[in-house]
């Protein structure tokens, strides 16, 4: 099985660091407009820095996870 290293895909490696920071910051959803607007802003910034399909799907998946968690 082939694998890649951080040096092989530096843009995605940096995105993963940003994604992990986002997850830590927003892990517990809040029922406020400010929370969701801030989340959207930070997701957009991560995607702007690394506009790949992988980034899109990981951010979309995390947001869906938060919505499910928020709705019980």
Protein backbone atom coordinates (compact mmCIF):
# COMPACT_ATOMS: atom_id res chain seq x y z
CA UNK A 1 0.00 0.00 0.00
CA UNK A 2 1.42 3.36 -1.02
CA UNK A 3 1.40 6.29 1.33
CA UNK A 4 2.42 9.92 1.23
CA UNK A 5 4.33 12.09 3.61
CA UNK A 6 3.80 15.64 4.78
CA UNK A 7 6.53 16.71 2.35
CA UNK A 8 4.70 15.14 -0.60
CA UNK A 9 1.54 17.18 -0.16
CA UNK A 10 2.38 20.30 1.86
CA UNK A 11 -0.86 22.13 1.04
CA UNK A 12 -3.05 19.28 2.30
CA UNK A 13 -0.80 18.76 5.33
CA UNK A 14 -1.26 22.42 6.28
CA UNK A 15 -4.99 22.10 5.69
CA UNK A 16 -5.15 19.16 8.10
CA UNK A 17 -3.49 21.27 10.80
CA UNK A 18 -6.04 24.03 10.19
CA UNK A 19 -8.89 21.51 10.14
CA UNK A 20 -7.80 20.04 13.47
CA UNK A 21 -7.72 23.53 15.01
CA UNK A 22 -11.22 24.14 13.65
CA UNK A 23 -12.47 20.87 15.13
CA UNK A 24 -11.04 21.72 18.55
CA UNK A 25 -12.54 25.22 18.49
CA UNK A 26 -16.03 24.24 17.32
CA UNK A 27 -16.41 20.68 18.66
CA UNK A 28 -19.31 21.59 20.94
CA UNK A 29 -22.02 23.26 18.84
CA UNK A 30 -23.77 26.31 20.23
CA UNK A 31 -27.27 27.42 19.36
CA UNK A 32 -26.23 30.94 18.42
CA UNK A 33 -26.03 32.72 15.10
CA UNK A 34 -22.55 33.96 15.99
CA UNK A 35 -21.25 30.39 16.39
CA UNK A 36 -22.50 29.28 12.96
CA UNK A 37 -21.35 32.46 11.22
CA UNK A 38 -17.89 32.14 12.77
CA UNK A 39 -17.75 28.47 11.75
CA UNK A 40 -18.68 29.37 8.15
CA UNK A 41 -16.09 32.13 8.04
CA UNK A 42 -13.32 29.86 9.28
CA UNK A 43 -14.34 27.04 6.92
CA UNK A 44 -14.26 29.48 4.00
CA UNK A 45 -10.80 30.66 5.02
CA UNK A 46 -9.46 27.10 5.19
CA UNK A 47 -10.97 26.33 1.78
CA UNK A 48 -9.53 29.55 0.34
CA UNK A 49 -6.06 28.51 1.56
CA UNK A 50 -6.42 24.98 0.19
CA UNK A 51 -9.12 24.82 -2.52
CA UNK A 52 -9.22 21.07 -3.11
CA UNK A 53 -11.98 18.48 -3.26
CA UNK A 54 -10.50 16.85 -0.16
CA UNK A 55 -10.74 20.10 1.78
CA UNK A 56 -14.32 20.64 0.62
CA UNK A 57 -15.45 17.17 1.68
CA UNK A 58 -13.71 17.25 5.06
CA UNK A 59 -15.17 20.66 5.92
CA UNK A 60 -18.62 19.66 4.65
CA UNK A 61 -18.49 16.46 6.68
CA UNK A 62 -17.48 18.28 9.85
CA UNK A 63 -20.26 20.83 9.43
CA UNK A 64 -22.81 18.04 8.89
CA UNK A 65 -21.51 16.31 12.01
CA UNK A 66 -22.01 19.51 14.03
CA UNK A 67 -25.53 19.98 12.69
CA UNK A 68 -26.45 16.41 13.67
CA UNK A 69 -24.86 16.87 17.09
CA UNK A 70 -26.70 20.16 17.54
CA UNK A 71 -30.06 18.66 16.62
CA UNK A 72 -29.62 15.70 18.93
